[in-house]
Amino acid sequence: MNQTLEGVVTDIKKSSNIFNILSGFTEEINYLSDHSILVIYFSSLIAKKLGWFNEKMSAQLALAGFFHDITLKDEFLAKIEKKEEIFNFDDEEQKIVLEHPEKCSQLVEKFNEHNQDAISIILNSQELPNGDGFPKGLNAQTIQPLAALFILSHKVVSLLFEDGFKIENLVTHIQNLEKEYDQGNFKRPYKALREILLD
């Protein structure tokens, strides 16, 4: 995992504009960068449990983790999950939130057009299994499996932050996600996550 992350960083450094954006994103400890790193960690754990994990997959998950919220400077905007929550913000902020999956994916595409898995994950990263996400309102049946794995990981990390990292509550949180996440293309990643935490 560490070697793959080093390889991703080396590749990113080759594109000075993107490296500068990422450097600014991670130069201080904050919600956005910490959240991204933990999403990469949980995504990798689940992918390994499913037997999906390899060097290429690791790199794609790392890119998606680092870049999925990189155009958002405000952690409150990054915490939006459902489309209906966007309306609590002004018009400019709503536009930033709604457009950020596309803008973030375009950054990765400019960096390297061969990162199609990462691009797909980022484009779908704000979707939800019940269809209440955005920008397209996809659901558990239409969200691609790798994106579903990433979205589930994102949810777990968000719960950790909301709960002040009370690890003892994590199993309960995961059990409470069953109704929403144990379906469609989320079914296998959700089962793998439960096995990781309950075994």
N, C-alpha and C. Protein backbone atom coordinates (compact mmCIF):
# COMPACT_ATOMS: atom_id res chain seq x y z
N MET A 1 0.84 -1.20 0.00
CA MET A 1 0.00 0.00 0.00
C MET A 1 0.88 1.26 0.00
N ASN A 2 1.88 1.30 0.88
CA ASN A 2 2.75 2.47 0.95
C ASN A 2 3.49 2.69 -0.37
N GLN A 3 3.96 1.60 -0.99
CA GLN A 3 4.65 1.72 -2.28
C GLN A 3 3.73 2.28 -3.35
N THR A 4 2.48 1.83 -3.34
CA THR A 4 1.52 2.32 -4.32
C THR A 4 1.25 3.80 -4.12
N LEU A 5 1.07 4.22 -2.86
CA LEU A 5 0.85 5.63 -2.58
C LEU A 5 2.04 6.48 -3.02
N GLU A 6 3.24 5.97 -2.77
CA GLU A 6 4.44 6.69 -3.22
C GLU A 6 4.46 6.81 -4.73
N GLY A 7 4.04 5.74 -5.43
CA GLY A 7 3.99 5.77 -6.89
C GLY A 7 2.97 6.78 -7.39
N VAL A 8 1.83 6.84 -6.72
CA VAL A 8 0.79 7.82 -7.09
C VAL A 8 1.31 9.24 -6.90
N VAL A 9 1.95 9.48 -5.77
CA VAL A 9 2.50 10.82 -5.50
C VAL A 9 3.56 11.19 -6.53
N THR A 10 4.42 10.23 -6.88
CA THR A 10 5.46 10.47 -7.90
C THR A 10 4.83 10.86 -9.22
N ASP A 11 3.78 10.14 -9.62
CA ASP A 11 3.08 10.46 -10.87
C ASP A 11 2.43 11.84 -10.80
N ILE A 12 1.83 12.16 -9.65
CA ILE A 12 1.17 13.46 -9.50
C ILE A 12 2.19 14.60 -9.60
N LYS A 13 3.38 14.38 -9.06
CA LYS A 13 4.41 15.42 -9.09
C LYS A 13 4.81 15.79 -10.52
N LYS A 14 4.60 14.87 -11.44
CA LYS A 14 4.94 15.15 -12.85
C LYS A 14 4.04 16.23 -13.44
N SER A 15 2.88 16.42 -12.85
CA SER A 15 1.97 17.47 -13.30
C SER A 15 1.98 18.56 -12.23
N SER A 16 2.73 19.62 -12.46
CA SER A 16 2.96 20.63 -11.42
C SER A 16 1.67 21.30 -10.95
N ASN A 17 0.74 21.58 -11.86
CA ASN A 17 -0.51 22.23 -11.46
C ASN A 17 -1.29 21.37 -10.48
N ILE A 18 -1.42 20.09 -10.83
CA ILE A 18 -2.19 19.18 -9.96
C ILE A 18 -1.45 18.94 -8.65
N PHE A 19 -0.13 18.85 -8.71
CA PHE A 19 0.65 18.65 -7.48
C PHE A 19 0.47 19.84 -6.54
N ASN A 20 0.45 21.05 -7.09
CA ASN A 20 0.26 22.25 -6.27
C ASN A 20 -1.11 22.25 -5.60
N ILE A 21 -2.14 21.82 -6.34
CA ILE A 21 -3.48 21.74 -5.76
C ILE A 21 -3.49 20.73 -4.61
N LEU A 22 -2.92 19.56 -4.85
CA LEU A 22 -2.91 18.50 -3.84
C LEU A 22 -2.07 18.91 -2.64
N SER A 23 -0.95 19.60 -2.86
CA SER A 23 -0.10 20.05 -1.76
C SER A 23 -0.86 20.99 -0.85
N GLY A 24 -1.60 21.92 -1.45
CA GLY A 24 -2.39 22.85 -0.66
C GLY A 24 -3.49 22.14 0.12
N PHE A 25 -3.99 21.07 -0.45
CA PHE A 25 -5.08 20.30 0.15
C PHE A 25 -4.59 19.55 1.39
N THR A 26 -3.36 19.08 1.37
CA THR A 26 -2.86 18.22 2.46
C THR A 26 -1.81 18.88 3.34
N GLU A 27 -1.54 20.16 3.14
CA GLU A 27 -0.42 20.76 3.87
C GLU A 27 -0.71 20.97 5.35
N GLU A 28 -1.96 21.01 5.73
CA GLU A 28 -2.29 21.13 7.14
C GLU A 28 -3.31 20.08 7.52
N ILE A 29 -3.32 19.74 8.79
CA ILE A 29 -4.26 18.73 9.26
C ILE A 29 -5.66 19.35 9.28
N ASN A 30 -6.56 18.77 8.54
CA ASN A 30 -7.93 19.27 8.52
C ASN A 30 -8.89 18.14 8.15
N TYR A 31 -10.16 18.45 8.24
CA TYR A 31 -11.19 17.44 7.97
C TYR A 31 -11.04 16.85 6.57
N LEU A 32 -10.86 17.71 5.57
CA LEU A 32 -10.84 17.24 4.18
C LEU A 32 -9.72 16.24 3.91
N SER A 33 -8.50 16.58 4.32
CA SER A 33 -7.38 15.67 4.04
C SER A 33 -7.44 14.42 4.90
N ASP A 34 -7.78 14.58 6.18
CA ASP A 34 -7.87 13.41 7.07
C ASP A 34 -8.97 12.45 6.61
N HIS A 35 -10.09 13.02 6.23
CA HIS A 35 -11.22 12.22 5.74
C HIS A 35 -10.80 11.44 4.49
N SER A 36 -10.09 12.10 3.58
CA SER A 36 -9.67 11.45 2.34
C SER A 36 -8.75 10.26 2.61
N ILE A 37 -7.80 10.45 3.51
CA ILE A 37 -6.85 9.38 3.82
C ILE A 37 -7.57 8.18 4.45
N LEU A 38 -8.52 8.44 5.34
CA LEU A 38 -9.27 7.35 5.96
C LEU A 38 -10.18 6.63 4.96
N VAL A 39 -10.74 7.38 4.01
CA VAL A 39 -11.55 6.74 2.98
C VAL A 39 -10.69 5.78 2.14
N ILE A 40 -9.48 6.20 1.81
CA ILE A 40 -8.56 5.32 1.08
C ILE A 40 -8.29 4.05 1.89
N TYR A 41 -8.07 4.23 3.19
CA TYR A 41 -7.77 3.10 4.07
C TYR A 41 -8.94 2.09 4.10
N PHE A 42 -10.15 2.57 4.36
CA PHE A 42 -11.30 1.67 4.44
C PHE A 42 -11.63 1.05 3.08
N SER A 43 -11.49 1.84 2.02
CA SER A 43 -11.73 1.29 0.67
C SER A 43 -10.77 0.15 0.38
N SER A 44 -9.53 0.33 0.76
CA SER A 44 -8.51 -0.71 0.53
C SER A 44 -8.79 -1.96 1.36
N LEU A 45 -9.21 -1.77 2.61
CA LEU A 45 -9.56 -2.92 3.46
C LEU A 45 -10.68 -3.75 2.84
N ILE A 46 -11.73 -3.06 2.39
CA ILE A 46 -12.88 -3.77 1.81
C ILE A 46 -12.48 -4.45 0.50
N ALA A 47 -11.71 -3.74 -0.34
CA ALA A 47 -11.28 -4.32 -1.62
C ALA A 47 -10.44 -5.58 -1.38
N LYS A 48 -9.58 -5.55 -0.37
CA LYS A 48 -8.77 -6.73 -0.04
C LYS A 48 -9.66 -7.89 0.39
N LYS A 49 -10.64 -7.60 1.22
CA LYS A 49 -11.55 -8.65 1.71
C LYS A 49 -12.32 -9.29 0.55
N LEU A 50 -12.64 -8.48 -0.45
CA LEU A 50 -13.39 -8.98 -1.61
C LEU A 50 -12.50 -9.66 -2.64
N GLY A 51 -11.18 -9.56 -2.48
CA GLY A 51 -10.26 -10.13 -3.46
C GLY A 51 -10.11 -9.27 -4.70
N TRP A 52 -10.49 -8.00 -4.59
CA TRP A 52 -10.41 -7.08 -5.73
C TRP A 52 -9.09 -6.31 -5.75
N PHE A 53 -8.34 -6.42 -4.67
CA PHE A 53 -7.20 -5.51 -4.47
C PHE A 53 -5.96 -5.97 -5.22
N ASN A 54 -5.36 -5.07 -5.95
CA ASN A 54 -4.05 -5.26 -6.57
C ASN A 54 -3.40 -3.89 -6.69
N GLU A 55 -2.22 -3.84 -7.28
CA GLU A 55 -1.49 -2.57 -7.32
C GLU A 55 -2.25 -1.50 -8.09
N LYS A 56 -2.84 -1.90 -9.22
CA LYS A 56 -3.60 -0.93 -10.02
C LYS A 56 -4.81 -0.43 -9.25
N MET A 57 -5.54 -1.35 -8.61
CA MET A 57 -6.71 -0.97 -7.82
C MET A 57 -6.32 -0.04 -6.69
N SER A 58 -5.20 -0.34 -6.03
CA SER A 58 -4.72 0.50 -4.94
C SER A 58 -4.48 1.93 -5.41
N ALA A 59 -3.85 2.06 -6.58
CA ALA A 59 -3.57 3.38 -7.13
C ALA A 59 -4.86 4.13 -7.47
N GLN A 60 -5.85 3.40 -8.02
CA GLN A 60 -7.11 4.05 -8.39
C GLN A 60 -7.88 4.51 -7.15
N LEU A 61 -7.88 3.70 -6.11
CA LEU A 61 -8.55 4.09 -4.87
C LEU A 61 -7.85 5.27 -4.22
N ALA A 62 -6.52 5.29 -4.29
CA ALA A 62 -5.76 6.41 -3.72
C ALA A 62 -6.08 7.71 -4.47
N LEU A 63 -6.09 7.65 -5.78
CA LEU A 63 -6.41 8.84 -6.58
C LEU A 63 -7.83 9.33 -6.28
N ALA A 64 -8.77 8.41 -6.26
CA ALA A 64 -10.16 8.79 -5.98
C ALA A 64 -10.27 9.40 -4.58
N GLY A 65 -9.57 8.80 -3.62
CA GLY A 65 -9.62 9.32 -2.26
C GLY A 65 -9.05 10.72 -2.14
N PHE A 66 -7.91 10.95 -2.77
CA PHE A 66 -7.27 12.26 -2.68
C PHE A 66 -8.03 13.34 -3.45
N PHE A 67 -8.66 12.96 -4.56
CA PHE A 67 -9.22 13.97 -5.46
C PHE A 67 -10.74 14.14 -5.39
N HIS A 68 -11.47 13.27 -4.73
CA HIS A 68 -12.94 13.33 -4.85
C HIS A 68 -13.56 14.61 -4.29
N ASP A 69 -12.89 15.27 -3.36
CA ASP A 69 -13.41 16.52 -2.79
C ASP A 69 -12.42 17.68 -2.93
N ILE A 70 -11.45 17.54 -3.81
CA ILE A 70 -10.34 18.49 -3.82
C ILE A 70 -10.71 19.91 -4.22
N THR A 71 -11.83 20.08 -4.91
CA THR A 71 -12.25 21.44 -5.29
C THR A 71 -13.09 22.11 -4.21
N LEU A 72 -13.38 21.39 -3.13
CA LEU A 72 -14.16 21.95 -2.02
C LEU A 72 -13.21 22.47 -0.95
N LYS A 73 -13.29 23.74 -0.65
CA LYS A 73 -12.40 24.33 0.35
C LYS A 73 -13.06 24.39 1.73
N ASP A 74 -14.35 24.15 1.76
CA ASP A 74 -15.14 24.28 2.99
C ASP A 74 -15.57 22.90 3.46
N GLU A 75 -15.20 22.53 4.67
CA GLU A 75 -15.55 21.19 5.16
C GLU A 75 -17.06 21.01 5.30
N PHE A 76 -17.79 22.09 5.51
CA PHE A 76 -19.24 21.98 5.62
C PHE A 76 -19.86 21.57 4.28
N LEU A 77 -19.28 22.08 3.19
CA LEU A 77 -19.75 21.66 1.87
C LEU A 77 -19.39 20.21 1.61
N ALA A 78 -18.22 19.80 2.09
CA ALA A 78 -17.77 18.41 1.90
C ALA A 78 -18.60 17.42 2.68
N LYS A 79 -19.28 17.88 3.71
CA LYS A 79 -20.09 16.98 4.55
C LYS A 79 -21.50 16.75 4.00
N ILE A 80 -21.85 17.46 2.94
CA ILE A 80 -23.18 17.27 2.34
C ILE A 80 -23.27 15.87 1.74
N GLU A 81 -24.33 15.16 2.07
CA GLU A 81 -24.53 13.82 1.52
C GLU A 81 -25.73 13.76 0.59
N LYS A 82 -26.86 14.29 1.03
CA LYS A 82 -28.09 14.21 0.24
C LYS A 82 -28.30 15.50 -0.55
N LYS A 83 -28.91 15.34 -1.69
CA LYS A 83 -29.15 16.50 -2.56
C LYS A 83 -29.97 17.57 -1.84
N GLU A 84 -30.91 17.15 -1.01
CA GLU A 84 -31.77 18.11 -0.32
C GLU A 84 -30.99 19.01 0.64
N GLU A 85 -29.84 18.54 1.14
CA GLU A 85 -29.02 19.33 2.06
C GLU A 85 -28.36 20.52 1.38
N ILE A 86 -28.23 20.45 0.06
CA ILE A 86 -27.57 21.52 -0.69
C ILE A 86 -28.32 22.83 -0.56
N PHE A 87 -29.64 22.74 -0.40
CA PHE A 87 -30.47 23.95 -0.39
C PHE A 87 -30.31 24.78 0.88
N ASN A 88 -29.50 24.30 1.83
CA ASN A 88 -29.18 25.09 3.01
C ASN A 88 -28.10 26.13 2.73
N PHE A 89 -27.54 26.11 1.52
CA PHE A 89 -26.43 26.99 1.17
C PHE A 89 -26.86 27.96 0.07
N ASP A 90 -26.04 29.01 -0.13
CA ASP A 90 -26.39 30.00 -1.15
C ASP A 90 -26.15 29.43 -2.55
N ASP A 91 -26.60 30.19 -3.57
CA ASP A 91 -26.56 29.69 -4.96
C ASP A 91 -25.16 29.32 -5.41
N GLU A 92 -24.18 30.15 -5.05
CA GLU A 92 -22.79 29.87 -5.48
C GLU A 92 -22.27 28.59 -4.85
N GLU A 93 -22.55 28.41 -3.56
CA GLU A 93 -22.10 27.20 -2.87
C GLU A 93 -22.82 25.96 -3.42
N GLN A 94 -24.10 26.10 -3.73
CA GLN A 94 -24.84 24.98 -4.32
C GLN A 94 -24.21 24.55 -5.63
N LYS A 95 -23.84 25.53 -6.44
CA LYS A 95 -23.22 25.22 -7.73
C LYS A 95 -21.88 24.51 -7.54
N ILE A 96 -21.09 24.99 -6.59
CA ILE A 96 -19.79 24.37 -6.30
C ILE A 96 -19.97 22.90 -5.92
N VAL A 97 -20.94 22.64 -5.04
CA VAL A 97 -21.18 21.27 -4.57
C VAL A 97 -21.68 20.38 -5.70
N LEU A 98 -22.66 20.86 -6.44
CA LEU A 98 -23.24 20.04 -7.51
C LEU A 98 -22.25 19.74 -8.62
N GLU A 99 -21.34 20.67 -8.88
CA GLU A 99 -20.38 20.49 -9.98
C GLU A 99 -19.09 19.81 -9.56
N HIS A 100 -18.86 19.65 -8.26
CA HIS A 100 -17.54 19.19 -7.85
C HIS A 100 -17.19 17.75 -8.29
N PRO A 101 -18.14 16.80 -8.37
CA PRO A 101 -17.72 15.48 -8.89
C PRO A 101 -17.16 15.56 -10.31
N GLU A 102 -17.79 16.36 -11.16
CA GLU A 102 -17.32 16.52 -12.54
C GLU A 102 -15.98 17.24 -12.59
N LYS A 103 -15.86 18.31 -11.82
CA LYS A 103 -14.61 19.09 -11.84
C LYS A 103 -13.44 18.28 -11.28
N CYS A 104 -13.68 17.54 -10.21
CA CYS A 104 -12.63 16.71 -9.62
C CYS A 104 -12.21 15.60 -10.58
N SER A 105 -13.18 14.99 -11.24
CA SER A 105 -12.86 13.91 -12.18
C SER A 105 -12.08 14.45 -13.38
N GLN A 106 -12.38 15.68 -13.79
CA GLN A 106 -11.66 16.29 -14.91
C GLN A 106 -10.19 16.53 -14.56
N LEU A 107 -9.93 16.87 -13.31
CA LEU A 107 -8.53 17.03 -12.87
C LEU A 107 -7.76 15.73 -13.02
N VAL A 108 -8.37 14.63 -12.58
CA VAL A 108 -7.71 13.33 -12.68
C VAL A 108 -7.55 12.92 -14.14
N GLU A 109 -8.54 13.24 -14.96
CA GLU A 109 -8.47 12.89 -16.38
C GLU A 109 -7.34 13.66 -17.08
N LYS A 110 -7.18 14.93 -16.72
CA LYS A 110 -6.09 15.73 -17.30
C LYS A 110 -4.73 15.19 -16.87
N PHE A 111 -4.69 14.73 -15.63
CA PHE A 111 -3.45 14.20 -15.09
C PHE A 111 -3.05 12.91 -15.81
N ASN A 112 -4.03 12.02 -16.03
CA ASN A 112 -3.74 10.77 -16.72
C ASN A 112 -5.06 10.15 -17.17
N GLU A 113 -5.26 10.12 -18.47
CA GLU A 113 -6.54 9.63 -19.01
C GLU A 113 -6.77 8.15 -18.78
N HIS A 114 -5.73 7.43 -18.33
CA HIS A 114 -5.87 5.99 -18.10
C HIS A 114 -6.45 5.66 -16.72
N ASN A 115 -6.75 6.67 -15.94
CA ASN A 115 -7.28 6.44 -14.59
C ASN A 115 -8.81 6.36 -14.60
N GLN A 116 -9.35 5.53 -15.47
CA GLN A 116 -10.80 5.48 -15.65
C GLN A 116 -11.55 4.99 -14.41
N ASP A 117 -10.95 4.08 -13.65
CA ASP A 117 -11.63 3.63 -12.42
C ASP A 117 -11.75 4.77 -11.42
N ALA A 118 -10.67 5.52 -11.23
CA ALA A 118 -10.70 6.65 -10.31
C ALA A 118 -11.69 7.71 -10.78
N ILE A 119 -11.70 7.97 -12.07
CA ILE A 119 -12.62 8.97 -12.64
C ILE A 119 -14.07 8.55 -12.41
N SER A 120 -14.36 7.28 -12.66
CA SER A 120 -15.72 6.76 -12.45
C SER A 120 -16.13 6.84 -10.98
N ILE A 121 -15.20 6.49 -10.08
CA ILE A 121 -15.49 6.57 -8.64
C ILE A 121 -15.83 8.01 -8.26
N ILE A 122 -15.02 8.95 -8.71
CA ILE A 122 -15.22 10.36 -8.35
C ILE A 122 -16.55 10.87 -8.89
N LEU A 123 -16.88 10.52 -10.12
CA LEU A 123 -18.14 10.97 -10.72
C LEU A 123 -19.35 10.45 -9.94
N ASN A 124 -19.20 9.28 -9.31
CA ASN A 124 -20.30 8.66 -8.57
C ASN A 124 -20.19 8.83 -7.05
N SER A 125 -19.17 9.52 -6.59
CA SER A 125 -18.85 9.54 -5.15
C SER A 125 -19.92 10.18 -4.27
N GLN A 126 -20.81 10.99 -4.84
CA GLN A 126 -21.87 11.63 -4.05
C GLN A 126 -23.23 10.96 -4.23
N GLU A 127 -23.25 9.85 -4.95
CA GLU A 127 -24.50 9.11 -5.12
C GLU A 127 -24.76 8.26 -3.87
N LEU A 128 -26.01 7.85 -3.69
CA LEU A 128 -26.40 7.04 -2.53
C LEU A 128 -27.25 5.85 -2.98
N PRO A 129 -27.22 4.75 -2.21
CA PRO A 129 -27.96 3.56 -2.63
C PRO A 129 -29.46 3.78 -2.79
N ASN A 130 -30.04 4.72 -2.04
CA ASN A 130 -31.49 4.96 -2.13
C ASN A 130 -31.86 5.98 -3.20
N GLY A 131 -30.87 6.50 -3.93
CA GLY A 131 -31.14 7.45 -5.01
C GLY A 131 -31.20 8.90 -4.58
N ASP A 132 -30.93 9.19 -3.29
CA ASP A 132 -31.01 10.56 -2.78
C ASP A 132 -29.73 11.37 -2.95
N GLY A 133 -28.73 10.76 -3.60
CA GLY A 133 -27.47 11.47 -3.81
C GLY A 133 -27.51 12.35 -5.05
N PHE A 134 -26.34 12.79 -5.47
CA PHE A 134 -26.26 13.67 -6.64
C PHE A 134 -24.94 13.41 -7.36
N PRO A 135 -24.73 13.82 -8.58
CA PRO A 135 -25.58 14.71 -9.38
C PRO A 135 -26.69 13.98 -10.16
N LYS A 136 -26.61 12.67 -10.34
CA LYS A 136 -27.56 11.97 -11.23
C LYS A 136 -28.68 11.23 -10.51
N GLY A 137 -28.60 11.13 -9.19
CA GLY A 137 -29.63 10.40 -8.46
C GLY A 137 -29.62 8.91 -8.75
N LEU A 138 -28.41 8.35 -8.93
CA LEU A 138 -28.28 6.91 -9.17
C LEU A 138 -28.66 6.14 -7.91
N ASN A 139 -28.89 4.84 -8.05
CA ASN A 139 -29.25 4.04 -6.88
C ASN A 139 -28.36 2.79 -6.81
N ALA A 140 -28.67 1.93 -5.83
CA ALA A 140 -27.83 0.75 -5.57
C ALA A 140 -27.68 -0.15 -6.77
N GLN A 141 -28.66 -0.15 -7.66
CA GLN A 141 -28.60 -1.01 -8.84
C GLN A 141 -27.75 -0.39 -9.96
N THR A 142 -27.67 0.92 -9.99
CA THR A 142 -27.01 1.60 -11.12
C THR A 142 -25.64 2.18 -10.79
N ILE A 143 -25.30 2.30 -9.52
CA ILE A 143 -23.96 2.74 -9.13
C ILE A 143 -23.00 1.58 -9.36
N GLN A 144 -21.89 1.84 -10.02
CA GLN A 144 -20.93 0.78 -10.32
C GLN A 144 -20.35 0.18 -9.04
N PRO A 145 -20.02 -1.12 -9.04
CA PRO A 145 -19.56 -1.80 -7.82
C PRO A 145 -18.37 -1.13 -7.12
N LEU A 146 -17.37 -0.70 -7.89
CA LEU A 146 -16.20 -0.08 -7.26
C LEU A 146 -16.57 1.26 -6.62
N ALA A 147 -17.45 2.00 -7.29
CA ALA A 147 -17.93 3.26 -6.71
C ALA A 147 -18.76 2.98 -5.45
N ALA A 148 -19.54 1.89 -5.47
CA ALA A 148 -20.33 1.52 -4.30
C ALA A 148 -19.42 1.24 -3.11
N LEU A 149 -18.34 0.52 -3.35
CA LEU A 149 -17.36 0.24 -2.30
C LEU A 149 -16.81 1.54 -1.72
N PHE A 150 -16.48 2.49 -2.60
CA PHE A 150 -15.92 3.77 -2.17
C PHE A 150 -16.95 4.58 -1.39
N ILE A 151 -18.18 4.62 -1.86
CA ILE A 151 -19.25 5.38 -1.20
C ILE A 151 -19.51 4.82 0.20
N LEU A 152 -19.52 3.50 0.32
CA LEU A 152 -19.69 2.86 1.63
C LEU A 152 -18.55 3.25 2.56
N SER A 153 -17.33 3.22 2.06
CA SER A 153 -16.17 3.61 2.87
C SER A 153 -16.29 5.07 3.32
N HIS A 154 -16.72 5.91 2.40
CA HIS A 154 -16.92 7.33 2.69
C HIS A 154 -17.92 7.50 3.82
N LYS A 155 -19.01 6.73 3.77
CA LYS A 155 -20.04 6.81 4.81
C LYS A 155 -19.49 6.39 6.16
N VAL A 156 -18.71 5.32 6.19
CA VAL A 156 -18.13 4.83 7.45
C VAL A 156 -17.23 5.90 8.06
N VAL A 157 -16.40 6.51 7.25
CA VAL A 157 -15.48 7.55 7.75
C VAL A 157 -16.27 8.76 8.25
N SER A 158 -17.31 9.14 7.53
CA SER A 158 -18.15 10.26 7.97
C SER A 158 -18.78 9.96 9.33
N LEU A 159 -19.23 8.72 9.53
CA LEU A 159 -19.80 8.33 10.82
C LEU A 159 -18.77 8.42 11.94
N LEU A 160 -17.54 8.01 11.64
CA LEU A 160 -16.46 8.12 12.63
C LEU A 160 -16.25 9.57 13.05
N PHE A 161 -16.19 10.46 12.09
CA PHE A 161 -16.01 11.88 12.40
C PHE A 161 -17.18 12.43 13.21
N GLU A 162 -18.40 12.09 12.79
CA GLU A 162 -19.60 12.59 13.48
C GLU A 162 -19.64 12.12 14.93
N ASP A 163 -19.12 10.93 15.16
CA ASP A 163 -19.21 10.30 16.48
C ASP A 163 -17.96 10.56 17.33
N GLY A 164 -17.07 11.43 16.86
CA GLY A 164 -15.86 11.73 17.63
C GLY A 164 -14.92 10.56 17.76
N PHE A 165 -14.91 9.68 16.75
CA PHE A 165 -14.02 8.52 16.70
C PHE A 165 -14.19 7.58 17.89
N LYS A 166 -15.44 7.38 18.30
CA LYS A 166 -15.72 6.39 19.33
C LYS A 166 -15.81 5.03 18.65
N ILE A 167 -14.67 4.37 18.56
CA ILE A 167 -14.57 3.11 17.82
C ILE A 167 -15.53 2.06 18.36
N GLU A 168 -15.81 2.12 19.65
CA GLU A 168 -16.70 1.12 20.25
C GLU A 168 -18.12 1.19 19.66
N ASN A 169 -18.46 2.33 19.04
CA ASN A 169 -19.79 2.48 18.44
C ASN A 169 -19.83 2.10 16.97
N LEU A 170 -18.67 1.80 16.40
CA LEU A 170 -18.59 1.60 14.95
C LEU A 170 -19.40 0.40 14.48
N VAL A 171 -19.32 -0.70 15.22
CA VAL A 171 -20.07 -1.91 14.82
C VAL A 171 -21.57 -1.61 14.79
N THR A 172 -22.06 -0.88 15.79
CA THR A 172 -23.48 -0.52 15.81
C THR A 172 -23.85 0.34 14.61
N HIS A 173 -22.99 1.29 14.29
CA HIS A 173 -23.23 2.14 13.12
C HIS A 173 -23.33 1.30 11.85
N ILE A 174 -22.41 0.35 11.70
CA ILE A 174 -22.40 -0.50 10.50
C ILE A 174 -23.66 -1.34 10.43
N GLN A 175 -24.08 -1.88 11.58
CA GLN A 175 -25.32 -2.66 11.60
C GLN A 175 -26.52 -1.81 11.21
N ASN A 176 -26.50 -0.54 11.62
CA ASN A 176 -27.61 0.36 11.30
C ASN A 176 -27.66 0.73 9.82
N LEU A 177 -26.56 0.51 9.10
CA LEU A 177 -26.52 0.81 7.67
C LEU A 177 -27.12 -0.31 6.81
N GLU A 178 -27.45 -1.43 7.45
CA GLU A 178 -27.87 -2.62 6.69
C GLU A 178 -29.04 -2.34 5.77
N LYS A 179 -30.06 -1.69 6.27
CA LYS A 179 -31.27 -1.47 5.47
C LYS A 179 -30.97 -0.72 4.17
N GLU A 180 -30.08 0.28 4.25
CA GLU A 180 -29.78 1.09 3.07
C GLU A 180 -28.69 0.48 2.19
N TYR A 181 -27.69 -0.14 2.80
CA TYR A 181 -26.51 -0.53 2.04
C TYR A 181 -26.43 -2.01 1.67
N ASP A 182 -27.26 -2.85 2.27
CA ASP A 182 -27.22 -4.28 1.96
C ASP A 182 -28.13 -4.59 0.77
N GLN A 183 -27.81 -3.98 -0.37
CA GLN A 183 -28.63 -4.16 -1.58
C GLN A 183 -27.82 -3.80 -2.82
N GLY A 184 -28.27 -4.31 -3.95
CA GLY A 184 -27.67 -3.98 -5.23
C GLY A 184 -26.15 -4.15 -5.24
N ASN A 185 -25.45 -3.20 -5.82
CA ASN A 185 -24.00 -3.27 -5.94
C ASN A 185 -23.27 -2.91 -4.65
N PHE A 186 -24.04 -2.57 -3.61
CA PHE A 186 -23.46 -2.32 -2.29
C PHE A 186 -23.41 -3.60 -1.45
N LYS A 187 -24.15 -4.62 -1.88
CA LYS A 187 -24.35 -5.81 -1.06
C LYS A 187 -23.02 -6.49 -0.70
N ARG A 188 -22.17 -6.75 -1.69
CA ARG A 188 -20.91 -7.45 -1.42
C ARG A 188 -19.94 -6.59 -0.60
N PRO A 189 -19.74 -5.30 -0.94
CA PRO A 189 -18.87 -4.48 -0.09
C PRO A 189 -19.40 -4.36 1.35
N TYR A 190 -20.73 -4.24 1.49
CA TYR A 190 -21.29 -4.14 2.84
C TYR A 190 -21.05 -5.42 3.64
N LYS A 191 -21.26 -6.56 3.00
CA LYS A 191 -21.01 -7.85 3.67
C LYS A 191 -19.54 -7.97 4.06
N ALA A 192 -18.65 -7.57 3.17
CA ALA A 192 -17.20 -7.63 3.47
C ALA A 192 -16.86 -6.74 4.65
N LEU A 193 -17.44 -5.54 4.70
CA LEU A 193 -17.18 -4.63 5.80
C LEU A 193 -17.64 -5.22 7.13
N ARG A 194 -18.81 -5.83 7.13
CA ARG A 194 -19.30 -6.47 8.35
C ARG A 194 -18.37 -7.60 8.80
N GLU A 195 -17.88 -8.37 7.83
CA GLU A 195 -16.97 -9.48 8.19
C GLU A 195 -15.66 -8.94 8.77
N ILE A 196 -15.18 -7.84 8.22
CA ILE A 196 -13.95 -7.22 8.74
C ILE A 196 -14.13 -6.79 10.18
N LEU A 197 -15.27 -6.18 10.48
CA LEU A 197 -15.49 -5.60 11.81
C LEU A 197 -16.00 -6.61 12.83
N LEU A 198 -16.71 -7.63 12.37
CA LEU A 198 -17.32 -8.56 13.32
C LEU A 198 -16.54 -9.84 13.51
N ASP A 199 -15.60 -10.17 12.60
CA ASP A 199 -14.82 -11.41 12.74
C ASP A 199 -13.75 -11.27 13.82
